[in-house]
Amino acid sequence: MAKKTAATKSKVKYSKETYSYWYESMLLMRRFEEKAGQLYGQQKIRGFCHLYIGQEACASGAISALTKDDKWITAYRCHAHPLGLGTDPGAVMAELFGKATGTTKGKGGSMHIFDKERNFMGGHGIVGAQVPMGLGIGFAEKYNGTKNLCITYMGDGAVRQGAFHEALNLAMLYKTPVIFVIENNGYAMGTAVKRSSNVDDLSTLGESYDMPSFAVDGMNVEAVHEAVSEAAERARRGDGPTLLEMRTYRYKGHSMSDPQKYRTKEEVEEYKQRDPIEQVLATIKENKILTEDEINEIVDRVKKKVSEAVKFAEESPWPDGMDAFKDVYVQEDYPFVME
């Protein structure tokens, strides 16, 4: 359970540009998903939809710590990461709508956002399946002699999968440049960690493989940035992977269909007192990093981006029926694709 702490003036550790990026990127993630939730209620977005609201620092703080050449892969709570990396919000919203202009041409939907240009290797719907894939991406970077790494996200429920342990073992064996991130929001769907595992300190799971493993305040963007920066330095030195348990919290349910009967409203409100966006905004204001006008400009810019994304998605065309037979094989004239 989160505990409230006395308010103290936050010290400035980073540049104005970094604080501006954190605030604007997290605010975009939040406002985009709040709108997505509304549109889901209007049945303009259908199927599954898993919102990241509350967990924004886990993405934004990592993005500021890595380079544009590093690779990203995550599970199906996957809207925020590409938004923070610079993917067009209109393309993400169009994908949620199932439109042809979406990031995967309307074929993936909410759970499978993908952006090769931003090195975002996708959201993945099978629990834990992206973990060994992230290992493979990192191994490819090592094989090709780059200094790049793959940051591999998963939920707390994914660590029960055998593939998670297989990936950690091989990552240490081959000193693969991977950062494994457990976004521990306390509940695997609706089951609390303490009800599903004898080990509830998930940061210790890497120790069996002699992997450096740390717990991180996932509600604080500065803490995330620092932890990922250290892990990245280790990977680029050739010393191998790191496991980070980012202790965070989602304000919404596991998905839009989740009645959330497994937790109290008081618990949710208590975590909101540590909101990552409000924390960084408080630092910005207390230390006069941005003026009120500059803050308002960011708010207005984010509002405009979300509004334009919705308009783009609504006005975009639906995929053609024959599009189902496209992008199945790299070879376009593959003989078993219908004419």
C-alpha atoms as a PDB file:
ATOM      1  CA  MET A   1       0.000   0.000   0.000  1.00  0.00           C
ATOM      2  CA  ALA A   2       1.310   3.439  -0.872  1.00  0.00           C
ATOM      3  CA  LYS A   3       2.041   5.875   1.924  1.00  0.00           C
ATOM      4  CA  LYS A   4       1.623   9.615   1.781  1.00  0.00           C
ATOM      5  CA  THR A   5       4.765  11.628   2.362  1.00  0.00           C
ATOM      6  CA  ALA A   6       5.207  15.180   3.541  1.00  0.00           C
ATOM      7  CA  ALA A   7       5.546  17.682   0.712  1.00  0.00           C
ATOM      8  CA  THR A   8       9.088  18.970   0.282  1.00  0.00           C
ATOM      9  CA  LYS A   9      10.573  21.170  -2.405  1.00  0.00           C
ATOM     10  CA  SER A  10      11.951  18.951  -5.157  1.00  0.00           C
ATOM     11  CA  LYS A  11      15.489  19.651  -6.323  1.00  0.00           C
ATOM     12  CA  VAL A  12      16.229  20.284  -9.974  1.00  0.00           C
ATOM     13  CA  LYS A  13      18.366  17.452 -11.318  1.00  0.00           C
ATOM     14  CA  TYR A  14      17.902  17.789 -15.055  1.00  0.00           C
ATOM     15  CA  SER A  15      17.554  20.339 -17.839  1.00  0.00           C
ATOM     16  CA  LYS A  16      14.517  22.428 -18.696  1.00  0.00           C
ATOM     17  CA  GLU A  17      14.158  20.401 -21.901  1.00  0.00           C
ATOM     18  CA  THR A  18      14.027  17.132 -19.961  1.00  0.00           C
ATOM     19  CA  TYR A  19      11.405  18.350 -17.488  1.00  0.00           C
ATOM     20  CA  SER A  20       9.391  19.805 -20.366  1.00  0.00           C
ATOM     21  CA  TYR A  21       9.543  16.490 -22.223  1.00  0.00           C
ATOM     22  CA  TRP A  22       8.462  14.526 -19.141  1.00  0.00           C
ATOM     23  CA  TYR A  23       5.505  16.765 -18.452  1.00  0.00           C
ATOM     24  CA  GLU A  24       4.295  17.012 -22.038  1.00  0.00           C
ATOM     25  CA  SER A  25       4.803  13.343 -22.924  1.00  0.00           C
ATOM     26  CA  MET A  26       3.056  12.063 -19.799  1.00  0.00           C
ATOM     27  CA  LEU A  27       0.229  14.560 -20.212  1.00  0.00           C
ATOM     28  CA  LEU A  28      -0.237  13.426 -23.814  1.00  0.00           C
ATOM     29  CA  MET A  29      -0.361   9.788 -22.706  1.00  0.00           C
ATOM     30  CA  ARG A  30      -2.924  10.641 -20.013  1.00  0.00           C
ATOM     31  CA  ARG A  31      -5.211  12.826 -22.116  1.00  0.00           C
ATOM     32  CA  PHE A  32      -5.022  10.474 -25.106  1.00  0.00           C
ATOM     33  CA  GLU A  33      -6.087   7.500 -23.012  1.00  0.00           C
ATOM     34  CA  GLU A  34      -8.775   9.401 -21.140  1.00  0.00           C
ATOM     35  CA  LYS A  35     -10.264  10.222 -24.532  1.00  0.00           C
ATOM     36  CA  ALA A  36      -9.822   6.638 -25.682  1.00  0.00           C
ATOM     37  CA  GLY A  37     -11.776   5.490 -22.641  1.00  0.00           C
ATOM     38  CA  GLN A  38     -14.624   7.857 -23.526  1.00  0.00           C
ATOM     39  CA  LEU A  39     -14.640   6.696 -27.142  1.00  0.00           C
ATOM     40  CA  TYR A  40     -14.710   3.075 -26.013  1.00  0.00           C
ATOM     41  CA  GLY A  41     -17.838   3.857 -24.014  1.00  0.00           C
ATOM     42  CA  GLN A  42     -19.338   5.277 -27.208  1.00  0.00           C
ATOM     43  CA  GLN A  43     -18.428   2.032 -29.021  1.00  0.00           C
ATOM     44  CA  LYS A  44     -16.183   3.868 -31.468  1.00  0.00           C
ATOM     45  CA  ILE A  45     -13.325   1.753 -30.124  1.00  0.00           C
ATOM     46  CA  ARG A  46     -14.147  -1.922 -29.773  1.00  0.00           C
ATOM     47  CA  GLY A  47     -12.529  -5.155 -28.696  1.00  0.00           C
ATOM     48  CA  PHE A  48     -10.048  -5.098 -25.846  1.00  0.00           C
ATOM     49  CA  CYS A  49      -8.625  -1.853 -24.505  1.00  0.00           C
ATOM     50  CA  HIS A  50      -6.088  -1.689 -21.670  1.00  0.00           C
ATOM     51  CA  LEU A  51      -5.321   1.799 -20.357  1.00  0.00           C
ATOM     52  CA  TYR A  52      -1.983   2.901 -18.903  1.00  0.00           C
ATOM     53  CA  ILE A  53      -3.368   5.769 -16.809  1.00  0.00           C
ATOM     54  CA  GLY A  54      -1.207   6.157 -13.685  1.00  0.00           C
ATOM     55  CA  GLN A  55       1.808   4.332 -15.100  1.00  0.00           C
ATOM     56  CA  GLU A  56       3.080   7.057 -17.457  1.00  0.00           C
ATOM     57  CA  ALA A  57       6.395   7.603 -15.656  1.00  0.00           C
ATOM     58  CA  CYS A  58       7.468   4.026 -16.449  1.00  0.00           C
ATOM     59  CA  ALA A  59       7.533   4.922 -20.147  1.00  0.00           C
ATOM     60  CA  SER A  60       8.493   8.601 -20.133  1.00  0.00           C
ATOM     61  CA  GLY A  61      11.401   8.253 -17.717  1.00  0.00           C
ATOM     62  CA  ALA A  62      12.860   5.375 -19.709  1.00  0.00           C
ATOM     63  CA  ILE A  63      12.547   7.160 -23.055  1.00  0.00           C
ATOM     64  CA  SER A  64      14.575  10.119 -21.780  1.00  0.00           C
ATOM     65  CA  ALA A  65      17.289   7.725 -20.581  1.00  0.00           C
ATOM     66  CA  LEU A  66      17.741   5.812 -23.856  1.00  0.00           C
ATOM     67  CA  THR A  67      18.627   6.641 -27.469  1.00  0.00           C
ATOM     68  CA  LYS A  68      16.524   6.659 -30.632  1.00  0.00           C
ATOM     69  CA  ASP A  69      18.388   3.552 -31.839  1.00  0.00           C
ATOM     70  CA  ASP A  70      17.439   1.404 -28.846  1.00  0.00           C
ATOM     71  CA  LYS A  71      14.589  -1.063 -29.288  1.00  0.00           C
ATOM     72  CA  TRP A  72      11.327  -1.310 -27.353  1.00  0.00           C
ATOM     73  CA  ILE A  73       8.884  -4.145 -26.810  1.00  0.00           C
ATOM     74  CA  THR A  74       6.005  -4.510 -24.381  1.00  0.00           C
ATOM     75  CA  ALA A  75       2.771  -6.324 -23.590  1.00  0.00           C
ATOM     76  CA  TYR A  76      -0.743  -5.296 -24.619  1.00  0.00           C
ATOM     77  CA  ARG A  77      -0.951  -2.128 -22.466  1.00  0.00           C
ATOM     78  CA  CYS A  78       0.880  -0.448 -25.304  1.00  0.00           C
ATOM     79  CA  HIS A  79      -0.522   2.978 -26.240  1.00  0.00           C
ATOM     80  CA  ALA A  80       1.723   5.176 -24.091  1.00  0.00           C
ATOM     81  CA  HIS A  81       5.182   3.935 -25.116  1.00  0.00           C
ATOM     82  CA  PRO A  82       4.877   4.798 -28.825  1.00  0.00           C
ATOM     83  CA  LEU A  83       3.251   8.142 -28.012  1.00  0.00           C
ATOM     84  CA  GLY A  84       6.252   9.005 -25.854  1.00  0.00           C
ATOM     85  CA  LEU A  85       8.623   7.852 -28.603  1.00  0.00           C
ATOM     86  CA  GLY A  86       7.027  10.203 -31.102  1.00  0.00           C
ATOM     87  CA  THR A  87       4.553   8.024 -32.994  1.00  0.00           C
ATOM     88  CA  ASP A  88       1.794  10.098 -34.571  1.00  0.00           C
ATOM     89  CA  PRO A  89      -1.153  10.181 -32.119  1.00  0.00           C
ATOM     90  CA  GLY A  90      -3.513  10.134 -35.093  1.00  0.00           C
ATOM     91  CA  ALA A  91      -2.074   6.827 -36.297  1.00  0.00           C
ATOM     92  CA  VAL A  92      -2.408   5.325 -32.799  1.00  0.00           C
ATOM     93  CA  MET A  93      -6.003   6.519 -32.449  1.00  0.00           C
ATOM     94  CA  ALA A  94      -6.834   5.274 -35.939  1.00  0.00           C
ATOM     95  CA  GLU A  95      -5.497   1.861 -34.958  1.00  0.00           C
ATOM     96  CA  LEU A  96      -7.779   1.834 -31.932  1.00  0.00           C
ATOM     97  CA  PHE A  97     -10.660   2.608 -34.298  1.00  0.00           C
ATOM     98  CA  GLY A  98      -9.545  -0.238 -36.611  1.00  0.00           C
ATOM     99  CA  LYS A  99      -8.978   2.160 -39.504  1.00  0.00           C
ATOM    100  CA  ALA A 100      -6.678   1.639 -42.491  1.00  0.00           C
ATOM    101  CA  THR A 101      -4.519   4.623 -41.450  1.00  0.00           C
ATOM    102  CA  GLY A 102      -3.611   3.020 -38.123  1.00  0.00           C
ATOM    103  CA  THR A 103      -0.121   1.952 -37.081  1.00  0.00           C
ATOM    104  CA  THR A 104      -0.816  -1.585 -38.321  1.00  0.00           C
ATOM    105  CA  LYS A 105      -3.461  -0.638 -40.903  1.00  0.00           C
ATOM    106  CA  GLY A 106      -6.301  -1.453 -38.519  1.00  0.00           C
ATOM    107  CA  LYS A 107      -5.271  -5.093 -38.207  1.00  0.00           C
ATOM    108  CA  GLY A 108      -3.868  -4.999 -34.695  1.00  0.00           C
ATOM    109  CA  GLY A 109      -6.080  -2.728 -32.660  1.00  0.00           C
ATOM    110  CA  SER A 110      -5.419  -1.596 -29.115  1.00  0.00           C
ATOM    111  CA  MET A 111      -3.215  -4.533 -28.126  1.00  0.00           C
ATOM    112  CA  HIS A 112      -0.827  -4.451 -31.083  1.00  0.00           C
ATOM    113  CA  ILE A 113       0.459  -0.936 -31.692  1.00  0.00           C
ATOM    114  CA  PHE A 114       3.695  -1.077 -33.731  1.00  0.00           C
ATOM    115  CA  ASP A 115       6.081   1.516 -35.153  1.00  0.00           C
ATOM    116  CA  LYS A 116       9.215   0.288 -36.899  1.00  0.00           C
ATOM    117  CA  GLU A 117      10.466   3.827 -37.549  1.00  0.00           C
ATOM    118  CA  ARG A 118      10.535   4.506 -33.799  1.00  0.00           C
ATOM    119  CA  ASN A 119      12.009   1.051 -33.058  1.00  0.00           C
ATOM    120  CA  PHE A 120       8.845   0.160 -31.155  1.00  0.00           C
ATOM    121  CA  MET A 121       8.569  -3.569 -31.773  1.00  0.00           C
ATOM    122  CA  GLY A 122       5.006  -3.778 -30.696  1.00  0.00           C
ATOM    123  CA  GLY A 123       2.551  -4.639 -28.032  1.00  0.00           C
ATOM    124  CA  HIS A 124       1.896  -8.372 -27.655  1.00  0.00           C
ATOM    125  CA  GLY A 125      -1.270 -10.082 -26.534  1.00  0.00           C
ATOM    126  CA  ILE A 126       0.105 -13.380 -25.199  1.00  0.00           C
ATOM    127  CA  VAL A 127       1.144 -12.898 -21.587  1.00  0.00           C
ATOM    128  CA  GLY A 128       4.938 -13.039 -21.310  1.00  0.00           C
ATOM    129  CA  ALA A 129       5.504 -13.853 -24.997  1.00  0.00           C
ATOM    130  CA  GLN A 130       7.351 -10.579 -25.579  1.00  0.00           C
ATOM    131  CA  VAL A 131      10.000 -11.397 -22.939  1.00  0.00           C
ATOM    132  CA  PRO A 132      12.029 -13.954 -24.955  1.00  0.00           C
ATOM    133  CA  MET A 133      11.371 -11.821 -28.049  1.00  0.00           C
ATOM    134  CA  GLY A 134      13.026  -8.882 -26.304  1.00  0.00           C
ATOM    135  CA  LEU A 135      15.955 -11.154 -25.473  1.00  0.00           C
ATOM    136  CA  GLY A 136      16.240 -12.086 -29.152  1.00  0.00           C
ATOM    137  CA  ILE A 137      16.166  -8.440 -30.240  1.00  0.00           C
ATOM    138  CA  GLY A 138      18.923  -7.639 -27.761  1.00  0.00           C
ATOM    139  CA  PHE A 139      20.934 -10.633 -28.930  1.00  0.00           C
ATOM    140  CA  ALA A 140      20.667  -9.380 -32.523  1.00  0.00           C
ATOM    141  CA  GLU A 141      22.100  -6.013 -31.451  1.00  0.00           C
ATOM    142  CA  LYS A 142      25.038  -7.762 -29.798  1.00  0.00           C
ATOM    143  CA  TYR A 143      25.540 -10.064 -32.785  1.00  0.00           C
ATOM    144  CA  ASN A 144      25.613  -7.073 -35.137  1.00  0.00           C
ATOM    145  CA  GLY A 145      28.132  -5.266 -32.953  1.00  0.00           C
ATOM    146  CA  THR A 146      26.008  -2.227 -32.108  1.00  0.00           C
ATOM    147  CA  LYS A 147      25.871  -0.457 -28.762  1.00  0.00           C
ATOM    148  CA  ASN A 148      22.075  -0.554 -28.787  1.00  0.00           C
ATOM    149  CA  LEU A 149      19.875  -2.431 -26.348  1.00  0.00           C
ATOM    150  CA  CYS A 150      16.305  -3.677 -26.071  1.00  0.00           C
ATOM    151  CA  ILE A 151      14.138  -2.569 -23.176  1.00  0.00           C
ATOM    152  CA  THR A 152      11.553  -5.269 -22.550  1.00  0.00           C
ATOM    153  CA  TYR A 153       8.411  -4.477 -20.553  1.00  0.00           C
ATOM    154  CA  MET A 154       6.031  -6.920 -18.899  1.00  0.00           C
ATOM    155  CA  GLY A 155       3.343  -6.926 -16.227  1.00  0.00           C
ATOM    156  CA  ASP A 156       3.692  -8.503 -12.804  1.00  0.00           C
ATOM    157  CA  GLY A 157       1.597 -11.473 -13.928  1.00  0.00           C
ATOM    158  CA  ALA A 158       4.028 -12.341 -16.735  1.00  0.00           C
ATOM    159  CA  VAL A 159       6.791 -13.326 -14.318  1.00  0.00           C
ATOM    160  CA  ARG A 160       4.905 -16.594 -13.600  1.00  0.00           C
ATOM    161  CA  GLN A 161       5.598 -17.702 -17.162  1.00  0.00           C
ATOM    162  CA  GLY A 162       8.406 -20.176 -17.759  1.00  0.00           C
ATOM    163  CA  ALA A 163       9.539 -18.096 -20.741  1.00  0.00           C
ATOM    164  CA  PHE A 164      10.410 -15.264 -18.344  1.00  0.00           C
ATOM    165  CA  HIS A 165      12.882 -17.449 -16.451  1.00  0.00           C
ATOM    166  CA  GLU A 166      14.294 -18.959 -19.628  1.00  0.00           C
ATOM    167  CA  ALA A 167      14.911 -15.476 -20.996  1.00  0.00           C
ATOM    168  CA  LEU A 168      16.642 -14.264 -17.820  1.00  0.00           C
ATOM    169  CA  ASN A 169      18.902 -17.310 -17.795  1.00  0.00           C
ATOM    170  CA  LEU A 170      19.983 -16.907 -21.416  1.00  0.00           C
ATOM    171  CA  ALA A 171      20.345 -13.145 -21.093  1.00  0.00           C
ATOM    172  CA  MET A 172      22.897 -13.563 -18.325  1.00  0.00           C
ATOM    173  CA  LEU A 173      24.595 -16.499 -20.021  1.00  0.00           C
ATOM    174  CA  TYR A 174      25.197 -14.482 -23.204  1.00  0.00           C
ATOM    175  CA  LYS A 175      25.519 -11.065 -21.490  1.00  0.00           C
ATOM    176  CA  THR A 176      22.760  -9.756 -23.728  1.00  0.00           C
ATOM    177  CA  PRO A 177      22.052  -5.976 -23.798  1.00  0.00           C
ATOM    178  CA  VAL A 178      18.506  -6.116 -22.431  1.00  0.00           C
ATOM    179  CA  ILE A 179      16.719  -4.191 -19.704  1.00  0.00           C
ATOM    180  CA  PHE A 180      13.862  -6.278 -18.311  1.00  0.00           C
ATOM    181  CA  VAL A 181      11.158  -4.050 -16.802  1.00  0.00           C
ATOM    182  CA  ILE A 182       8.387  -5.452 -14.621  1.00  0.00           C
ATOM    183  CA  GLU A 183       5.599  -2.873 -14.473  1.00  0.00           C
ATOM    184  CA  ASN A 184       4.215  -4.033 -11.141  1.00  0.00           C
ATOM    185  CA  ASN A 185       0.851  -2.325 -10.768  1.00  0.00           C
ATOM    186  CA  GLY A 186      -0.112  -4.664  -7.951  1.00  0.00           C
ATOM    187  CA  TYR A 187      -2.634  -6.786  -9.789  1.00  0.00           C
ATOM    188  CA  ALA A 188      -2.269  -9.419 -12.512  1.00  0.00           C
ATOM    189  CA  MET A 189      -5.683  -8.714 -14.048  1.00  0.00           C
ATOM    190  CA  GLY A 190      -7.606  -8.784 -10.764  1.00  0.00           C
ATOM    191  CA  THR A 191      -5.350 -10.915  -8.557  1.00  0.00           C
ATOM    192  CA  ALA A 192      -3.031  -9.210  -6.090  1.00  0.00           C
ATOM    193  CA  VAL A 193       0.629 -10.223  -6.268  1.00  0.00           C
ATOM    194  CA  LYS A 194       0.575 -11.552  -2.700  1.00  0.00           C
ATOM    195  CA  ARG A 195      -2.254 -13.917  -3.610  1.00  0.00           C
ATOM    196  CA  SER A 196      -0.427 -15.419  -6.590  1.00  0.00           C
ATOM    197  CA  SER A 197       3.199 -15.662  -5.507  1.00  0.00           C
ATOM    198  CA  ASN A 198       5.176 -16.674  -2.453  1.00  0.00           C
ATOM    199  CA  VAL A 199       7.708 -14.019  -3.519  1.00  0.00           C
ATOM    200  CA  ASP A 200       6.068 -10.592  -3.636  1.00  0.00           C
ATOM    201  CA  ASP A 201       9.316  -8.628  -3.914  1.00  0.00           C
ATOM    202  CA  LEU A 202       9.604  -9.142  -7.652  1.00  0.00           C
ATOM    203  CA  SER A 203      12.924  -7.293  -7.814  1.00  0.00           C
ATOM    204  CA  THR A 204      14.585 -10.374  -6.342  1.00  0.00           C
ATOM    205  CA  LEU A 205      13.621 -12.660  -9.224  1.00  0.00           C
ATOM    206  CA  GLY A 206      16.754 -11.868 -11.197  1.00  0.00           C
ATOM    207  CA  GLU A 207      19.058 -12.865  -8.346  1.00  0.00           C
ATOM    208  CA  SER A 208      18.723 -16.572  -9.165  1.00  0.00           C
ATOM    209  CA  TYR A 209      20.614 -15.808 -12.375  1.00  0.00           C
ATOM    210  CA  ASP A 210      23.115 -13.373 -10.793  1.00  0.00           C
ATOM    211  CA  MET A 211      21.355 -10.560 -12.656  1.00  0.00           C
ATOM    212  CA  PRO A 212      21.523  -7.070 -11.134  1.00  0.00           C
ATOM    213  CA  SER A 213      17.959  -6.448  -9.956  1.00  0.00           C
ATOM    214  CA  PHE A 214      16.436  -3.341  -8.412  1.00  0.00           C
ATOM    215  CA  ALA A 215      13.115  -1.953  -7.207  1.00  0.00           C
ATOM    216  CA  VAL A 216      12.201   1.448  -8.659  1.00  0.00           C
ATOM    217  CA  ASP A 217       9.558   4.007  -7.705  1.00  0.00           C
ATOM    218  CA  GLY A 218       7.509   3.737 -10.870  1.00  0.00           C
ATOM    219  CA  MET A 219       5.386   6.742  -9.886  1.00  0.00           C
ATOM    220  CA  ASN A 220       8.414   9.046 -10.065  1.00  0.00           C
ATOM    221  CA  VAL A 221       9.769   9.868 -13.519  1.00  0.00           C
ATOM    222  CA  GLU A 222      13.165  10.954 -12.181  1.00  0.00           C
ATOM    223  CA  ALA A 223      13.644   7.639 -10.365  1.00  0.00           C
ATOM    224  CA  VAL A 224      12.745   5.720 -13.528  1.00  0.00           C
ATOM    225  CA  HIS A 225      15.147   7.803 -15.634  1.00  0.00           C
ATOM    226  CA  GLU A 226      18.020   7.202 -13.209  1.00  0.00           C
ATOM    227  CA  ALA A 227      17.440   3.458 -12.923  1.00  0.00           C
ATOM    228  CA  VAL A 228      17.167   2.966 -16.698  1.00  0.00           C
ATOM    229  CA  SER A 229      20.245   5.146 -17.285  1.00  0.00           C
ATOM    230  CA  GLU A 230      22.344   2.934 -15.010  1.00  0.00           C
ATOM    231  CA  ALA A 231      21.007  -0.244 -16.600  1.00  0.00           C
ATOM    232  CA  ALA A 232      21.741   1.147 -20.071  1.00  0.00           C
ATOM    233  CA  GLU A 233      25.336   1.978 -19.139  1.00  0.00           C
ATOM    234  CA  ARG A 234      25.802  -1.601 -17.940  1.00  0.00           C
ATOM    235  CA  ALA A 235      24.356  -3.027 -21.161  1.00  0.00           C
ATOM    236  CA  ARG A 236      26.467  -0.798 -23.414  1.00  0.00           C
ATOM    237  CA  ARG A 237      29.626  -1.769 -21.519  1.00  0.00           C
ATOM    238  CA  GLY A 238      28.947  -5.363 -22.428  1.00  0.00           C
ATOM    239  CA  ASP A 239      28.126  -6.397 -18.859  1.00  0.00           C
ATOM    240  CA  GLY A 240      24.702  -7.744 -19.753  1.00  0.00           C
ATOM    241  CA  PRO A 241      21.107  -7.304 -18.613  1.00  0.00           C
ATOM    242  CA  THR A 242      19.390  -5.684 -15.640  1.00  0.00           C
ATOM    243  CA  LEU A 243      15.999  -6.408 -14.074  1.00  0.00           C
ATOM    244  CA  LEU A 244      13.984  -3.417 -12.860  1.00  0.00           C
ATOM    245  CA  GLU A 245      10.767  -3.809 -10.901  1.00  0.00           C
ATOM    246  CA  MET A 246       8.916  -0.529 -11.403  1.00  0.00           C
ATOM    247  CA  ARG A 247       6.382  -0.291  -8.609  1.00  0.00           C
ATOM    248  CA  THR A 248       3.528   1.600 -10.149  1.00  0.00           C
ATOM    249  CA  TYR A 249      -0.263   1.674 -10.147  1.00  0.00           C
ATOM    250  CA  ARG A 250      -3.030   1.810 -12.725  1.00  0.00           C
ATOM    251  CA  TYR A 251      -6.021   3.948 -11.841  1.00  0.00           C
ATOM    252  CA  LYS A 252      -8.333   2.162 -14.262  1.00  0.00           C
ATOM    253  CA  GLY A 253      -9.185  -1.512 -14.452  1.00  0.00           C
ATOM    254  CA  HIS A 254      -7.147  -4.212 -16.121  1.00  0.00           C
ATOM    255  CA  SER A 255      -9.215  -3.541 -19.231  1.00  0.00           C
ATOM    256  CA  MET A 256     -12.312  -1.505 -20.005  1.00  0.00           C
ATOM    257  CA  SER A 257     -14.485  -4.470 -19.011  1.00  0.00           C
ATOM    258  CA  ASP A 258     -12.978  -4.748 -15.512  1.00  0.00           C
ATOM    259  CA  PRO A 259     -15.461  -3.957 -12.661  1.00  0.00           C
ATOM    260  CA  GLN A 260     -12.478  -3.547 -10.250  1.00  0.00           C
ATOM    261  CA  LYS A 261     -14.146  -5.293  -7.310  1.00  0.00           C
ATOM    262  CA  TYR A 262     -10.794  -6.536  -6.003  1.00  0.00           C
ATOM    263  CA  ARG A 263      -9.699  -3.153  -4.613  1.00  0.00           C
ATOM    264  CA  THR A 264     -11.203  -0.208  -2.763  1.00  0.00           C
ATOM    265  CA  LYS A 265     -11.791   3.319  -4.028  1.00  0.00           C
ATOM    266  CA  GLU A 266      -9.746   4.518  -1.065  1.00  0.00           C
ATOM    267  CA  GLU A 267      -6.731   2.549  -2.277  1.00  0.00           C
ATOM    268  CA  VAL A 268      -6.961   4.110  -5.737  1.00  0.00           C
ATOM    269  CA  GLU A 269      -7.308   7.614  -4.296  1.00  0.00           C
ATOM    270  CA  GLU A 270      -4.301   7.057  -2.035  1.00  0.00           C
ATOM    271  CA  TYR A 271      -2.106   6.226  -5.014  1.00  0.00           C
ATOM    272  CA  LYS A 272      -3.391   9.257  -6.891  1.00  0.00           C
ATOM    273  CA  GLN A 273      -1.725  11.376  -4.212  1.00  0.00           C
ATOM    274  CA  ARG A 274       1.571  10.244  -5.791  1.00  0.00           C
ATOM    275  CA  ASP A 275       0.472  10.900  -9.372  1.00  0.00           C
ATOM    276  CA  PRO A 276       3.545  11.004 -11.654  1.00  0.00           C
ATOM    277  CA  ILE A 277       2.316  13.970 -13.701  1.00  0.00           C
ATOM    278  CA  GLU A 278       1.463  16.028 -10.641  1.00  0.00           C
ATOM    279  CA  GLN A 279       4.853  15.205  -9.107  1.00  0.00           C
ATOM    280  CA  VAL A 280       6.829  16.503 -12.072  1.00  0.00           C
ATOM    281  CA  LEU A 281       4.538  19.518 -12.449  1.00  0.00           C
ATOM    282  CA  ALA A 282       5.113  20.390  -8.797  1.00  0.00           C
ATOM    283  CA  THR A 283       8.879  20.268  -9.359  1.00  0.00           C
ATOM    284  CA  ILE A 284       8.534  22.461 -12.440  1.00  0.00           C
ATOM    285  CA  LYS A 285       6.445  25.059 -10.600  1.00  0.00           C
ATOM    286  CA  GLU A 286       8.375  25.085  -7.326  1.00  0.00           C
ATOM    287  CA  ASN A 287      11.677  25.604  -9.117  1.00  0.00           C
ATOM    288  CA  LYS A 288      10.274  27.933 -11.793  1.00  0.00           C
ATOM    289  CA  ILE A 289      11.586  25.674 -14.583  1.00  0.00           C
ATOM    290  CA  LEU A 290       8.696  26.749 -16.808  1.00  0.00           C
ATOM    291  CA  THR A 291       6.520  29.828 -16.653  1.00  0.00           C
ATOM    292  CA  GLU A 292       2.747  29.583 -16.301  1.00  0.00           C
ATOM    293  CA  ASP A 293       2.450  30.618 -19.939  1.00  0.00           C
ATOM    294  CA  GLU A 294       4.810  27.827 -21.011  1.00  0.00           C
ATOM    295  CA  ILE A 295       2.860  25.293 -18.960  1.00  0.00           C
ATOM    296  CA  ASN A 296      -0.413  26.480 -20.491  1.00  0.00           C
ATOM    297  CA  GLU A 297       1.108  26.203 -23.960  1.00  0.00           C
ATOM    298  CA  ILE A 298       1.931  22.542 -23.279  1.00  0.00           C
ATOM    299  CA  VAL A 299      -1.598  21.892 -21.997  1.00  0.00           C
ATOM    300  CA  ASP A 300      -3.122  23.515 -25.072  1.00  0.00           C
ATOM    301  CA  ARG A 301      -0.759  21.697 -27.444  1.00  0.00           C
ATOM    302  CA  VAL A 302      -1.637  18.320 -25.915  1.00  0.00           C
ATOM    303  CA  LYS A 303      -5.353  19.101 -26.080  1.00  0.00           C
ATOM    304  CA  LYS A 304      -5.005  19.997 -29.749  1.00  0.00           C
ATOM    305  CA  LYS A 305      -3.034  16.830 -30.548  1.00  0.00           C
ATOM    306  CA  VAL A 306      -5.682  14.615 -28.962  1.00  0.00           C
ATOM    307  CA  SER A 307      -8.509  16.464 -30.698  1.00  0.00           C
ATOM    308  CA  GLU A 308      -6.754  16.178 -34.063  1.00  0.00           C
ATOM    309  CA  ALA A 309      -6.041  12.488 -33.460  1.00  0.00           C
ATOM    310  CA  VAL A 310      -9.729  11.778 -32.890  1.00  0.00           C
ATOM    311  CA  LYS A 311     -10.732  13.765 -35.979  1.00  0.00           C
ATOM    312  CA  PHE A 312      -8.155  11.909 -38.075  1.00  0.00           C
ATOM    313  CA  ALA A 313      -9.359   8.537 -36.833  1.00  0.00           C
ATOM    314  CA  GLU A 314     -13.019   9.307 -37.387  1.00  0.00           C
ATOM    315  CA  GLU A 315     -12.425  10.584 -40.929  1.00  0.00           C
ATOM    316  CA  SER A 316     -10.071   7.772 -41.950  1.00  0.00           C
ATOM    317  CA  PRO A 317     -11.324   4.945 -44.200  1.00  0.00           C
ATOM    318  CA  TRP A 318     -12.000   1.402 -43.067  1.00  0.00           C
ATOM    319  CA  PRO A 319      -9.704  -1.305 -44.472  1.00  0.00           C
ATOM    320  CA  ASP A 320     -10.843  -3.045 -47.615  1.00  0.00           C
ATOM    321  CA  GLY A 321     -11.931  -6.653 -47.187  1.00  0.00           C
ATOM    322  CA  MET A 322      -9.084  -7.863 -49.392  1.00  0.00           C
ATOM    323  CA  ASP A 323      -6.576  -6.178 -47.083  1.00  0.00           C
ATOM    324  CA  ALA A 324      -6.906  -9.249 -44.863  1.00  0.00           C
ATOM    325  CA  PHE A 325      -4.789 -11.106 -47.420  1.00  0.00           C
ATOM    326  CA  LYS A 326      -2.058  -8.454 -47.508  1.00  0.00           C
ATOM    327  CA  ASP A 327       1.025  -8.264 -45.264  1.00  0.00           C
ATOM    328  CA  VAL A 328       0.741 -11.966 -44.477  1.00  0.00           C
ATOM    329  CA  TYR A 329       3.960 -12.881 -46.282  1.00  0.00           C
ATOM    330  CA  VAL A 330       6.998 -10.803 -47.208  1.00  0.00           C
ATOM    331  CA  GLN A 331       6.826 -12.300 -50.715  1.00  0.00           C
ATOM    332  CA  GLU A 332       3.919 -10.390 -52.265  1.00  0.00           C
ATOM    333  CA  ASP A 333       3.153 -13.018 -54.930  1.00  0.00           C
ATOM    334  CA  TYR A 334       3.160 -15.919 -52.500  1.00  0.00           C
ATOM    335  CA  PRO A 335       1.117 -18.661 -54.245  1.00  0.00           C
ATOM    336  CA  PHE A 336      -1.289 -19.389 -51.402  1.00  0.00           C
ATOM    337  CA  VAL A 337      -2.617 -15.847 -51.073  1.00  0.00           C
ATOM    338  CA  MET A 338      -6.023 -15.495 -52.767  1.00  0.00           C
ATOM    339  CA  GLU A 339      -6.161 -13.477 -55.964  1.00  0.00           C
END
